[in-house]
Amino acid sequence: MKTVNLARAKASLADYARQAAQEPVVVTSRGRPVAALVPIENADIETVALSTNAEFVALIERSRVRQSREGGVTADEMRRRITATVRPRRPRYAKP
């Protein structure tokens, strides 16, 4: 892990990002970590945004607790329920 003091950081963000591909780069201020550059694998921007959103993470945690307490519905059961409530569409016929 590389540590860089914010006041002494001289390289460009691009340089630090390239270094982060090899090892995490932790930015410090007055000896305390304030940011970190770490490689991200197999994730898109939405995944990163949601995983760093405190409200979303709390929602997921509440859902996990509730699921472990009360149980849940399997994906197959949910598909069955959705299929049972969806009415088939009437076919559209083209006018002659």
PDB file of N, CA and C in Angstrom:
ATOM      1  N   MET A   1       0.842  -1.165   0.000  1.00  0.00           N
ATOM      2  CA  MET A   1       0.000   0.000   0.000  1.00  0.00           C
ATOM      3  C   MET A   1       0.893   1.235   0.000  1.00  0.00           C
ATOM      4  N   LYS A   2       0.561   2.170  -0.872  1.00  0.00           N
ATOM      5  CA  LYS A   2       1.306   3.419  -0.963  1.00  0.00           C
ATOM      6  C   LYS A   2       0.534   4.499  -0.222  1.00  0.00           C
ATOM      7  N   THR A   3       1.253   5.346   0.498  1.00  0.00           N
ATOM      8  CA  THR A   3       0.639   6.457   1.212  1.00  0.00           C
ATOM      9  C   THR A   3       1.181   7.760   0.638  1.00  0.00           C
ATOM     10  N   VAL A   4       0.274   8.707   0.383  1.00  0.00           N
ATOM     11  CA  VAL A   4       0.655  10.003  -0.171  1.00  0.00           C
ATOM     12  C   VAL A   4       0.053  11.092   0.704  1.00  0.00           C
ATOM     13  N   ASN A   5       0.895  12.001   1.174  1.00  0.00           N
ATOM     14  CA  ASN A   5       0.413  13.133   1.955  1.00  0.00           C
ATOM     15  C   ASN A   5      -0.193  14.143   0.991  1.00  0.00           C
ATOM     16  N   LEU A   6      -1.407  14.572   1.266  1.00  0.00           N
ATOM     17  CA  LEU A   6      -2.130  15.487   0.390  1.00  0.00           C
ATOM     18  C   LEU A   6      -1.333  16.758   0.109  1.00  0.00           C
ATOM     19  N   ALA A   7      -0.706  17.322   1.130  1.00  0.00           N
ATOM     20  CA  ALA A   7       0.050  18.562   0.963  1.00  0.00           C
ATOM     21  C   ALA A   7       1.287  18.376   0.095  1.00  0.00           C
ATOM     22  N   ARG A   8       1.778  17.161   0.008  1.00  0.00           N
ATOM     23  CA  ARG A   8       3.010  16.897  -0.750  1.00  0.00           C
ATOM     24  C   ARG A   8       2.763  16.159  -2.065  1.00  0.00           C
ATOM     25  N   ALA A   9       1.524  15.882  -2.379  1.00  0.00           N
ATOM     26  CA  ALA A   9       1.210  15.147  -3.608  1.00  0.00           C
ATOM     27  C   ALA A   9       1.593  15.990  -4.818  1.00  0.00           C
ATOM     28  N   LYS A  10       2.426  15.439  -5.675  1.00  0.00           N
ATOM     29  CA  LYS A  10       2.919  16.190  -6.834  1.00  0.00           C
ATOM     30  C   LYS A  10       2.477  15.567  -8.162  1.00  0.00           C
ATOM     31  N   ALA A  11       2.229  14.280  -8.150  1.00  0.00           N
ATOM     32  CA  ALA A  11       1.870  13.605  -9.396  1.00  0.00           C
ATOM     33  C   ALA A  11       0.428  13.930  -9.784  1.00  0.00           C
ATOM     34  N   SER A  12       0.101  13.666 -11.029  1.00  0.00           N
ATOM     35  CA  SER A  12      -1.276  13.884 -11.481  1.00  0.00           C
ATOM     36  C   SER A  12      -2.171  12.759 -10.963  1.00  0.00           C
ATOM     37  N   LEU A  13      -3.457  13.028 -10.963  1.00  0.00           N
ATOM     38  CA  LEU A  13      -4.411  11.999 -10.560  1.00  0.00           C
ATOM     39  C   LEU A  13      -4.260  10.763 -11.442  1.00  0.00           C
ATOM     40  N   ALA A  14      -4.019  10.978 -12.715  1.00  0.00           N
ATOM     41  CA  ALA A  14      -3.833   9.853 -13.645  1.00  0.00           C
ATOM     42  C   ALA A  14      -2.654   8.978 -13.219  1.00  0.00           C
ATOM     43  N   ASP A  15      -1.575   9.604 -12.775  1.00  0.00           N
ATOM     44  CA  ASP A  15      -0.409   8.831 -12.312  1.00  0.00           C
ATOM     45  C   ASP A  15      -0.753   8.003 -11.074  1.00  0.00           C
ATOM     46  N   TYR A  16      -1.464   8.631 -10.137  1.00  0.00           N
ATOM     47  CA  TYR A  16      -1.854   7.890  -8.932  1.00  0.00           C
ATOM     48  C   TYR A  16      -2.834   6.763  -9.276  1.00  0.00           C
ATOM     49  N   ALA A  17      -3.721   6.999 -10.218  1.00  0.00           N
ATOM     50  CA  ALA A  17      -4.668   5.955 -10.627  1.00  0.00           C
ATOM     51  C   ALA A  17      -3.921   4.780 -11.254  1.00  0.00           C
ATOM     52  N   ARG A  18      -2.905   5.064 -12.041  1.00  0.00           N
ATOM     53  CA  ARG A  18      -2.097   3.967 -12.617  1.00  0.00           C
ATOM     54  C   ARG A  18      -1.397   3.188 -11.506  1.00  0.00           C
ATOM     55  N   GLN A  19      -0.896   3.887 -10.504  1.00  0.00           N
ATOM     56  CA  GLN A  19      -0.248   3.212  -9.378  1.00  0.00           C
ATOM     57  C   GLN A  19      -1.248   2.351  -8.616  1.00  0.00           C
ATOM     58  N   ALA A  20      -2.486   2.830  -8.524  1.00  0.00           N
ATOM     59  CA  ALA A  20      -3.526   2.093  -7.787  1.00  0.00           C
ATOM     60  C   ALA A  20      -3.851   0.768  -8.449  1.00  0.00           C
ATOM     61  N   ALA A  21      -3.561   0.632  -9.726  1.00  0.00           N
ATOM     62  CA  ALA A  21      -3.771  -0.657 -10.393  1.00  0.00           C
ATOM     63  C   ALA A  21      -2.843  -1.722  -9.815  1.00  0.00           C
ATOM     64  N   GLN A  22      -1.716  -1.287  -9.257  1.00  0.00           N
ATOM     65  CA  GLN A  22      -0.746  -2.220  -8.677  1.00  0.00           C
ATOM     66  C   GLN A  22      -0.951  -2.425  -7.177  1.00  0.00           C
ATOM     67  N   GLU A  23      -1.302  -1.337  -6.482  1.00  0.00           N
ATOM     68  CA  GLU A  23      -1.504  -1.387  -5.041  1.00  0.00           C
ATOM     69  C   GLU A  23      -2.367  -0.194  -4.625  1.00  0.00           C
ATOM     70  N   PRO A  24      -3.111  -0.309  -3.546  1.00  0.00           N
ATOM     71  CA  PRO A  24      -3.924   0.826  -3.105  1.00  0.00           C
ATOM     72  C   PRO A  24      -3.054   2.054  -2.811  1.00  0.00           C
ATOM     73  N   VAL A  25      -3.583   3.219  -3.138  1.00  0.00           N
ATOM     74  CA  VAL A  25      -2.913   4.480  -2.834  1.00  0.00           C
ATOM     75  C   VAL A  25      -3.810   5.219  -1.838  1.00  0.00           C
ATOM     76  N   VAL A  26      -3.305   5.430  -0.628  1.00  0.00           N
ATOM     77  CA  VAL A  26      -4.056   6.103   0.424  1.00  0.00           C
ATOM     78  C   VAL A  26      -3.539   7.533   0.546  1.00  0.00           C
ATOM     79  N   VAL A  27      -4.461   8.476   0.468  1.00  0.00           N
ATOM     80  CA  VAL A  27      -4.128   9.893   0.605  1.00  0.00           C
ATOM     81  C   VAL A  27      -4.385  10.286   2.055  1.00  0.00           C
ATOM     82  N   THR A  28      -3.388  10.933   2.659  1.00  0.00           N
ATOM     83  CA  THR A  28      -3.517  11.331   4.054  1.00  0.00           C
ATOM     84  C   THR A  28      -3.442  12.850   4.186  1.00  0.00           C
ATOM     85  N   SER A  29      -4.010  13.339   5.274  1.00  0.00           N
ATOM     86  CA  SER A  29      -3.905  14.747   5.641  1.00  0.00           C
ATOM     87  C   SER A  29      -3.668  14.792   7.138  1.00  0.00           C
ATOM     88  N   ARG A  30      -2.560  15.383   7.523  1.00  0.00           N
ATOM     89  CA  ARG A  30      -2.165  15.441   8.940  1.00  0.00           C
ATOM     90  C   ARG A  30      -2.087  14.042   9.556  1.00  0.00           C
ATOM     91  N   GLY A  31      -1.619  13.105   8.762  1.00  0.00           N
ATOM     92  CA  GLY A  31      -1.411  11.744   9.243  1.00  0.00           C
ATOM     93  C   GLY A  31      -2.641  10.854   9.246  1.00  0.00           C
ATOM     94  N   ARG A  32      -3.790  11.398   8.839  1.00  0.00           N
ATOM     95  CA  ARG A  32      -5.034  10.609   8.822  1.00  0.00           C
ATOM     96  C   ARG A  32      -5.469  10.332   7.393  1.00  0.00           C
ATOM     97  N   PRO A  33      -5.929   9.122   7.127  1.00  0.00           N
ATOM     98  CA  PRO A  33      -6.395   8.823   5.772  1.00  0.00           C
ATOM     99  C   PRO A  33      -7.663   9.611   5.439  1.00  0.00           C
ATOM    100  N   VAL A  34      -7.689  10.212   4.254  1.00  0.00           N
ATOM    101  CA  VAL A  34      -8.861  10.976   3.828  1.00  0.00           C
ATOM    102  C   VAL A  34      -9.461  10.427   2.529  1.00  0.00           C
ATOM    103  N   ALA A  35      -8.687   9.647   1.793  1.00  0.00           N
ATOM    104  CA  ALA A  35      -9.183   9.075   0.537  1.00  0.00           C
ATOM    105  C   ALA A  35      -8.304   7.888   0.174  1.00  0.00           C
ATOM    106  N   ALA A  36      -8.849   7.055  -0.697  1.00  0.00           N
ATOM    107  CA  ALA A  36      -8.073   5.917  -1.179  1.00  0.00           C
ATOM    108  C   ALA A  36      -8.390   5.669  -2.641  1.00  0.00           C
ATOM    109  N   LEU A  37      -7.390   5.334  -3.397  1.00  0.00           N
ATOM    110  CA  LEU A  37      -7.557   4.903  -4.777  1.00  0.00           C
ATOM    111  C   LEU A  37      -7.297   3.402  -4.798  1.00  0.00           C
ATOM    112  N   VAL A  38      -8.298   2.666  -5.208  1.00  0.00           N
ATOM    113  CA  VAL A  38      -8.171   1.215  -5.277  1.00  0.00           C
ATOM    114  C   VAL A  38      -8.691   0.740  -6.631  1.00  0.00           C
ATOM    115  N   PRO A  39      -8.156  -0.349  -7.150  1.00  0.00           N
ATOM    116  CA  PRO A  39      -8.664  -0.837  -8.435  1.00  0.00           C
ATOM    117  C   PRO A  39     -10.090  -1.370  -8.288  1.00  0.00           C
ATOM    118  N   ILE A  40     -10.868  -1.173  -9.322  1.00  0.00           N
ATOM    119  CA  ILE A  40     -12.246  -1.675  -9.341  1.00  0.00           C
ATOM    120  C   ILE A  40     -12.335  -2.694 -10.463  1.00  0.00           C
ATOM    121  N   GLU A  41     -12.755  -3.886 -10.112  1.00  0.00           N
ATOM    122  CA  GLU A  41     -12.878  -4.946 -11.105  1.00  0.00           C
ATOM    123  C   GLU A  41     -14.333  -5.397 -11.205  1.00  0.00           C
ATOM    124  N   ASN A  42     -14.764  -5.686 -12.409  1.00  0.00           N
ATOM    125  CA  ASN A  42     -16.101  -6.237 -12.665  1.00  0.00           C
ATOM    126  C   ASN A  42     -17.225  -5.394 -12.071  1.00  0.00           C
ATOM    127  N   ALA A  43     -17.148  -4.081 -12.241  1.00  0.00           N
ATOM    128  CA  ALA A  43     -18.203  -3.212 -11.732  1.00  0.00           C
ATOM    129  C   ALA A  43     -18.443  -2.079 -12.725  1.00  0.00           C
ATOM    130  N   ASP A  44     -19.674  -1.632 -12.776  1.00  0.00           N
ATOM    131  CA  ASP A  44     -19.991  -0.473 -13.595  1.00  0.00           C
ATOM    132  C   ASP A  44     -20.185   0.730 -12.677  1.00  0.00           C
ATOM    133  N   ILE A  45     -20.403   1.883 -13.260  1.00  0.00           N
ATOM    134  CA  ILE A  45     -20.493   3.113 -12.471  1.00  0.00           C
ATOM    135  C   ILE A  45     -21.679   3.085 -11.508  1.00  0.00           C
ATOM    136  N   GLU A  46     -22.791   2.442 -11.917  1.00  0.00           N
ATOM    137  CA  GLU A  46     -23.960   2.369 -11.037  1.00  0.00           C
ATOM    138  C   GLU A  46     -23.655   1.543  -9.791  1.00  0.00           C
ATOM    139  N   THR A  47     -22.945   0.435  -9.980  1.00  0.00           N
ATOM    140  CA  THR A  47     -22.577  -0.423  -8.854  1.00  0.00           C
ATOM    141  C   THR A  47     -21.710   0.344  -7.861  1.00  0.00           C
ATOM    142  N   VAL A  48     -20.748   1.070  -8.381  1.00  0.00           N
ATOM    143  CA  VAL A  48     -19.866   1.851  -7.509  1.00  0.00           C
ATOM    144  C   VAL A  48     -20.661   2.930  -6.791  1.00  0.00           C
ATOM    145  N   ALA A  49     -21.528   3.627  -7.520  1.00  0.00           N
ATOM    146  CA  ALA A  49     -22.315   4.703  -6.911  1.00  0.00           C
ATOM    147  C   ALA A  49     -23.210   4.166  -5.800  1.00  0.00           C
ATOM    148  N   LEU A  50     -23.878   3.043  -6.044  1.00  0.00           N
ATOM    149  CA  LEU A  50     -24.778   2.484  -5.027  1.00  0.00           C
ATOM    150  C   LEU A  50     -24.009   1.932  -3.833  1.00  0.00           C
ATOM    151  N   SER A  51     -22.872   1.316  -4.086  1.00  0.00           N
ATOM    152  CA  SER A  51     -22.125   0.715  -2.980  1.00  0.00           C
ATOM    153  C   SER A  51     -21.502   1.756  -2.062  1.00  0.00           C
ATOM    154  N   THR A  52     -21.428   3.002  -2.512  1.00  0.00           N
ATOM    155  CA  THR A  52     -20.890   4.063  -1.663  1.00  0.00           C
ATOM    156  C   THR A  52     -21.987   4.996  -1.142  1.00  0.00           C
ATOM    157  N   ASN A  53     -23.238   4.643  -1.397  1.00  0.00           N
ATOM    158  CA  ASN A  53     -24.370   5.446  -0.945  1.00  0.00           C
ATOM    159  C   ASN A  53     -24.856   4.882   0.392  1.00  0.00           C
ATOM    160  N   ALA A  54     -24.681   5.648   1.459  1.00  0.00           N
ATOM    161  CA  ALA A  54     -25.002   5.172   2.819  1.00  0.00           C
ATOM    162  C   ALA A  54     -26.467   4.774   2.956  1.00  0.00           C
ATOM    163  N   GLU A  55     -27.379   5.531   2.344  1.00  0.00           N
ATOM    164  CA  GLU A  55     -28.803   5.203   2.435  1.00  0.00           C
ATOM    165  C   GLU A  55     -29.111   3.872   1.758  1.00  0.00           C
ATOM    166  N   PHE A  56     -28.508   3.650   0.599  1.00  0.00           N
ATOM    167  CA  PHE A  56     -28.752   2.401  -0.114  1.00  0.00           C
ATOM    168  C   PHE A  56     -28.176   1.216   0.652  1.00  0.00           C
ATOM    169  N   VAL A  57     -26.977   1.365   1.179  1.00  0.00           N
ATOM    170  CA  VAL A  57     -26.354   0.290   1.955  1.00  0.00           C
ATOM    171  C   VAL A  57     -27.201  -0.030   3.187  1.00  0.00           C
ATOM    172  N   ALA A  58     -27.742   0.989   3.858  1.00  0.00           N
ATOM    173  CA  ALA A  58     -28.608   0.765   5.024  1.00  0.00           C
ATOM    174  C   ALA A  58     -29.882   0.037   4.620  1.00  0.00           C
ATOM    175  N   LEU A  59     -30.460   0.390   3.479  1.00  0.00           N
ATOM    176  CA  LEU A  59     -31.647  -0.289   2.972  1.00  0.00           C
ATOM    177  C   LEU A  59     -31.371  -1.769   2.725  1.00  0.00           C
ATOM    178  N   ILE A  60     -30.250  -2.078   2.124  1.00  0.00           N
ATOM    179  CA  ILE A  60     -29.876  -3.473   1.867  1.00  0.00           C
ATOM    180  C   ILE A  60     -29.699  -4.221   3.177  1.00  0.00           C
ATOM    181  N   GLU A  61     -29.044  -3.596   4.145  1.00  0.00           N
ATOM    182  CA  GLU A  61     -28.838  -4.248   5.441  1.00  0.00           C
ATOM    183  C   GLU A  61     -30.171  -4.525   6.143  1.00  0.00           C
ATOM    184  N   ARG A  62     -31.096  -3.556   6.109  1.00  0.00           N
ATOM    185  CA  ARG A  62     -32.420  -3.776   6.718  1.00  0.00           C
ATOM    186  C   ARG A  62     -33.148  -4.917   6.018  1.00  0.00           C
ATOM    187  N   SER A  63     -33.025  -4.964   4.717  1.00  0.00           N
ATOM    188  CA  SER A  63     -33.672  -6.039   3.949  1.00  0.00           C
ATOM    189  C   SER A  63     -33.084  -7.398   4.304  1.00  0.00           C
ATOM    190  N   ARG A  64     -31.780  -7.466   4.479  1.00  0.00           N
ATOM    191  CA  ARG A  64     -31.138  -8.738   4.845  1.00  0.00           C
ATOM    192  C   ARG A  64     -31.578  -9.198   6.226  1.00  0.00           C
ATOM    193  N   VAL A  65     -31.657  -8.267   7.175  1.00  0.00           N
ATOM    194  CA  VAL A  65     -32.094  -8.613   8.529  1.00  0.00           C
ATOM    195  C   VAL A  65     -33.536  -9.115   8.487  1.00  0.00           C
ATOM    196  N   ARG A  66     -34.388  -8.395   7.784  1.00  0.00           N
ATOM    197  CA  ARG A  66     -35.793  -8.794   7.685  1.00  0.00           C
ATOM    198  C   ARG A  66     -35.931 -10.162   7.016  1.00  0.00           C
ATOM    199  N   GLN A  67     -35.158 -10.389   5.978  1.00  0.00           N
ATOM    200  CA  GLN A  67     -35.220 -11.670   5.272  1.00  0.00           C
ATOM    201  C   GLN A  67     -34.767 -12.803   6.181  1.00  0.00           C
ATOM    202  N   SER A  68     -33.737 -12.582   6.982  1.00  0.00           N
ATOM    203  CA  SER A  68     -33.263 -13.657   7.865  1.00  0.00           C
ATOM    204  C   SER A  68     -34.264 -13.930   8.996  1.00  0.00           C
ATOM    205  N   ARG A  69     -34.980 -12.883   9.443  1.00  0.00           N
ATOM    206  CA  ARG A  69     -35.985 -13.045  10.499  1.00  0.00           C
ATOM    207  C   ARG A  69     -37.268 -13.671   9.971  1.00  0.00           C
ATOM    208  N   GLU A  70     -37.765 -13.126   8.872  1.00  0.00           N
ATOM    209  CA  GLU A  70     -39.089 -13.493   8.388  1.00  0.00           C
ATOM    210  C   GLU A  70     -39.078 -14.474   7.216  1.00  0.00           C
ATOM    211  N   GLY A  71     -37.917 -14.706   6.666  1.00  0.00           N
ATOM    212  CA  GLY A  71     -37.869 -15.549   5.471  1.00  0.00           C
ATOM    213  C   GLY A  71     -38.108 -14.714   4.237  1.00  0.00           C
ATOM    214  N   GLY A  72     -38.134 -15.372   3.129  1.00  0.00           N
ATOM    215  CA  GLY A  72     -38.310 -14.640   1.890  1.00  0.00           C
ATOM    216  C   GLY A  72     -38.999 -15.482   0.844  1.00  0.00           C
ATOM    217  N   VAL A  73     -39.009 -14.974  -0.339  1.00  0.00           N
ATOM    218  CA  VAL A  73     -39.634 -15.646  -1.467  1.00  0.00           C
ATOM    219  C   VAL A  73     -38.541 -15.969  -2.469  1.00  0.00           C
ATOM    220  N   THR A  74     -38.526 -17.190  -2.962  1.00  0.00           N
ATOM    221  CA  THR A  74     -37.524 -17.572  -3.944  1.00  0.00           C
ATOM    222  C   THR A  74     -37.819 -16.884  -5.276  1.00  0.00           C
ATOM    223  N   ALA A  75     -36.826 -16.841  -6.120  1.00  0.00           N
ATOM    224  CA  ALA A  75     -36.998 -16.247  -7.446  1.00  0.00           C
ATOM    225  C   ALA A  75     -38.060 -17.010  -8.235  1.00  0.00           C
ATOM    226  N   ASP A  76     -38.066 -18.336  -8.126  1.00  0.00           N
ATOM    227  CA  ASP A  76     -39.066 -19.135  -8.838  1.00  0.00           C
ATOM    228  C   ASP A  76     -40.482 -18.818  -8.353  1.00  0.00           C
ATOM    229  N   GLU A  77     -40.640 -18.661  -7.037  1.00  0.00           N
ATOM    230  CA  GLU A  77     -41.954 -18.322  -6.494  1.00  0.00           C
ATOM    231  C   GLU A  77     -42.391 -16.938  -6.966  1.00  0.00           C
ATOM    232  N   MET A  78     -41.467 -15.989  -6.997  1.00  0.00           N
ATOM    233  CA  MET A  78     -41.804 -14.643  -7.455  1.00  0.00           C
ATOM    234  C   MET A  78     -42.217 -14.672  -8.930  1.00  0.00           C
ATOM    235  N   ARG A  79     -41.514 -15.430  -9.743  1.00  0.00           N
ATOM    236  CA  ARG A  79     -41.899 -15.561 -11.158  1.00  0.00           C
ATOM    237  C   ARG A  79     -43.300 -16.159 -11.288  1.00  0.00           C
ATOM    238  N   ARG A  80     -43.586 -17.174 -10.464  1.00  0.00           N
ATOM    239  CA  ARG A  80     -44.911 -17.796 -10.501  1.00  0.00           C
ATOM    240  C   ARG A  80     -45.985 -16.780 -10.136  1.00  0.00           C
ATOM    241  N   ARG A  81     -45.726 -16.001  -9.092  1.00  0.00           N
ATOM    242  CA  ARG A  81     -46.705 -15.006  -8.663  1.00  0.00           C
ATOM    243  C   ARG A  81     -46.929 -13.938  -9.737  1.00  0.00           C
ATOM    244  N   ILE A  82     -45.876 -13.490 -10.341  1.00  0.00           N
ATOM    245  CA  ILE A  82     -46.006 -12.465 -11.376  1.00  0.00           C
ATOM    246  C   ILE A  82     -46.754 -13.018 -12.584  1.00  0.00           C
ATOM    247  N   THR A  83     -46.419 -14.219 -12.978  1.00  0.00           N
ATOM    248  CA  THR A  83     -47.081 -14.838 -14.124  1.00  0.00           C
ATOM    249  C   THR A  83     -48.568 -15.025 -13.843  1.00  0.00           C
ATOM    250  N   ALA A  84     -48.915 -15.361 -12.619  1.00  0.00           N
ATOM    251  CA  ALA A  84     -50.311 -15.596 -12.264  1.00  0.00           C
ATOM    252  C   ALA A  84     -51.130 -14.309 -12.290  1.00  0.00           C
ATOM    253  N   THR A  85     -50.502 -13.166 -12.099  1.00  0.00           N
ATOM    254  CA  THR A  85     -51.255 -11.912 -12.058  1.00  0.00           C
ATOM    255  C   THR A  85     -51.254 -11.155 -13.382  1.00  0.00           C
ATOM    256  N   VAL A  86     -50.416 -11.559 -14.296  1.00  0.00           N
ATOM    257  CA  VAL A  86     -50.341 -10.865 -15.586  1.00  0.00           C
ATOM    258  C   VAL A  86     -51.375 -11.451 -16.533  1.00  0.00           C
ATOM    259  N   ARG A  87     -52.195 -10.578 -17.070  1.00  0.00           N
ATOM    260  CA  ARG A  87     -53.202 -11.027 -18.031  1.00  0.00           C
ATOM    261  C   ARG A  87     -52.581 -11.051 -19.422  1.00  0.00           C
ATOM    262  N   PRO A  88     -52.908 -12.056 -20.195  1.00  0.00           N
ATOM    263  CA  PRO A  88     -52.360 -12.083 -21.556  1.00  0.00           C
ATOM    264  C   PRO A  88     -52.930 -10.924 -22.374  1.00  0.00           C
ATOM    265  N   ARG A  89     -52.116 -10.384 -23.230  1.00  0.00           N
ATOM    266  CA  ARG A  89     -52.567  -9.301 -24.097  1.00  0.00           C
ATOM    267  C   ARG A  89     -53.400  -9.846 -25.234  1.00  0.00           C
ATOM    268  N   ARG A  90     -54.384  -9.067 -25.606  1.00  0.00           N
ATOM    269  CA  ARG A  90     -55.168  -9.450 -26.765  1.00  0.00           C
ATOM    270  C   ARG A  90     -54.370  -9.102 -28.005  1.00  0.00           C
ATOM    271  N   PRO A  91     -54.355  -9.989 -28.965  1.00  0.00           N
ATOM    272  CA  PRO A  91     -53.564  -9.696 -30.166  1.00  0.00           C
ATOM    273  C   PRO A  91     -54.151  -8.512 -30.932  1.00  0.00           C
ATOM    274  N   ARG A  92     -53.280  -7.734 -31.487  1.00  0.00           N
ATOM    275  CA  ARG A  92     -53.718  -6.613 -32.319  1.00  0.00           C
ATOM    276  C   ARG A  92     -53.777  -7.090 -33.770  1.00  0.00           C
ATOM    277  N   TYR A  93     -54.827  -6.743 -34.401  1.00  0.00           N
ATOM    278  CA  TYR A  93     -54.980  -7.137 -35.785  1.00  0.00           C
ATOM    279  C   TYR A  93     -54.876  -5.888 -36.662  1.00  0.00           C
ATOM    280  N   ALA A  94     -54.157  -6.034 -37.724  1.00  0.00           N
ATOM    281  CA  ALA A  94     -54.016  -4.911 -38.649  1.00  0.00           C
ATOM    282  C   ALA A  94     -55.299  -4.728 -39.427  1.00  0.00           C
ATOM    283  N   LYS A  95     -55.667  -3.484 -39.659  1.00  0.00           N
ATOM    284  CA  LYS A  95     -56.870  -3.218 -40.446  1.00  0.00           C
ATOM    285  C   LYS A  95     -56.569  -3.459 -41.919  1.00  0.00           C
ATOM    286  N   PRO A  96     -57.532  -4.110 -42.611  1.00  0.00           N
ATOM    287  CA  PRO A  96     -57.267  -4.386 -44.052  1.00  0.00           C
ATOM    288  C   PRO A  96     -57.316  -3.154 -44.893  1.00  0.00           C
TER     289      PRO A  96
END
